[in-house]
């Protein structure tokens, strides 16, 4: 029963942290246009793939 209580408590705590982080993140993401965030992520992933490709060669 102790394992169940510990696992359930960990799940509740992690969900509470996710809700708080999502709430805070949502406030800051409203300030930045979503297209700028997705564009920067797309460029970052592309650069990472290029670096890994040439590093393996």
Protein backbone atom coordinates (compact mmCIF):
# COMPACT_ATOMS: atom_id res chain seq x y z
CA UNK A 1 0.00 0.00 0.00
CA UNK A 2 2.95 2.34 0.65
CA UNK A 3 4.10 2.02 -2.95
CA UNK A 4 0.63 2.92 -4.21
CA UNK A 5 0.43 5.99 -1.97
CA UNK A 6 3.89 7.14 -3.07
CA UNK A 7 3.09 6.63 -6.76
CA UNK A 8 -0.27 8.39 -6.48
CA UNK A 9 1.31 11.29 -4.60
CA UNK A 10 4.02 11.63 -7.24
CA UNK A 11 1.38 11.69 -9.98
CA UNK A 12 -0.67 14.35 -8.21
CA UNK A 13 2.41 16.49 -7.55
CA UNK A 14 3.67 16.21 -11.13
CA UNK A 15 0.24 17.16 -12.50
CA UNK A 16 0.05 20.16 -10.16
CA UNK A 17 3.49 21.32 -11.31
CA UNK A 18 2.45 20.87 -14.95
CA UNK A 19 -0.67 22.98 -14.41
CA UNK A 20 1.32 25.76 -12.72
CA UNK A 21 4.02 25.69 -15.43
CA UNK A 22 1.39 25.72 -18.18
CA UNK A 23 -0.42 28.62 -16.60
CA UNK A 24 2.75 30.68 -16.25
CA UNK A 25 3.97 29.67 -19.71
CA UNK A 26 0.66 30.64 -21.25
CA UNK A 27 0.97 34.16 -19.91
CA UNK A 28 4.41 34.63 -21.45
CA UNK A 29 3.62 32.89 -24.73
CA UNK A 30 0.77 35.33 -25.32
CA UNK A 31 3.35 38.10 -25.50
CA UNK A 32 5.37 36.38 -28.24
CA UNK A 33 3.72 35.53 -31.57
CA UNK A 34 3.39 31.79 -32.05
CA UNK A 35 4.80 31.98 -35.58
CA UNK A 36 8.07 33.42 -34.26
CA UNK A 37 8.40 30.61 -31.71
CA UNK A 38 7.66 27.88 -34.24
CA UNK A 39 9.99 29.47 -36.81
CA UNK A 40 12.85 29.65 -34.34
CA UNK A 41 12.27 26.04 -33.36
CA UNK A 42 12.21 24.95 -37.00
CA UNK A 43 15.51 26.73 -37.69
CA UNK A 44 17.10 25.31 -34.53
CA UNK A 45 16.13 21.74 -35.43
CA UNK A 46 17.40 22.22 -38.99
CA UNK A 47 20.74 23.53 -37.77
CA UNK A 48 21.02 20.66 -35.30
CA UNK A 49 20.39 18.12 -38.07
CA UNK A 50 23.04 19.77 -40.28
CA UNK A 51 25.61 19.79 -37.48
CA UNK A 52 24.98 16.13 -36.69
CA UNK A 53 25.21 15.22 -40.39
CA UNK A 54 28.58 16.88 -40.89
CA UNK A 55 29.91 15.69 -37.53
CA UNK A 56 29.24 12.07 -38.54
CA UNK A 57 31.08 12.50 -41.87
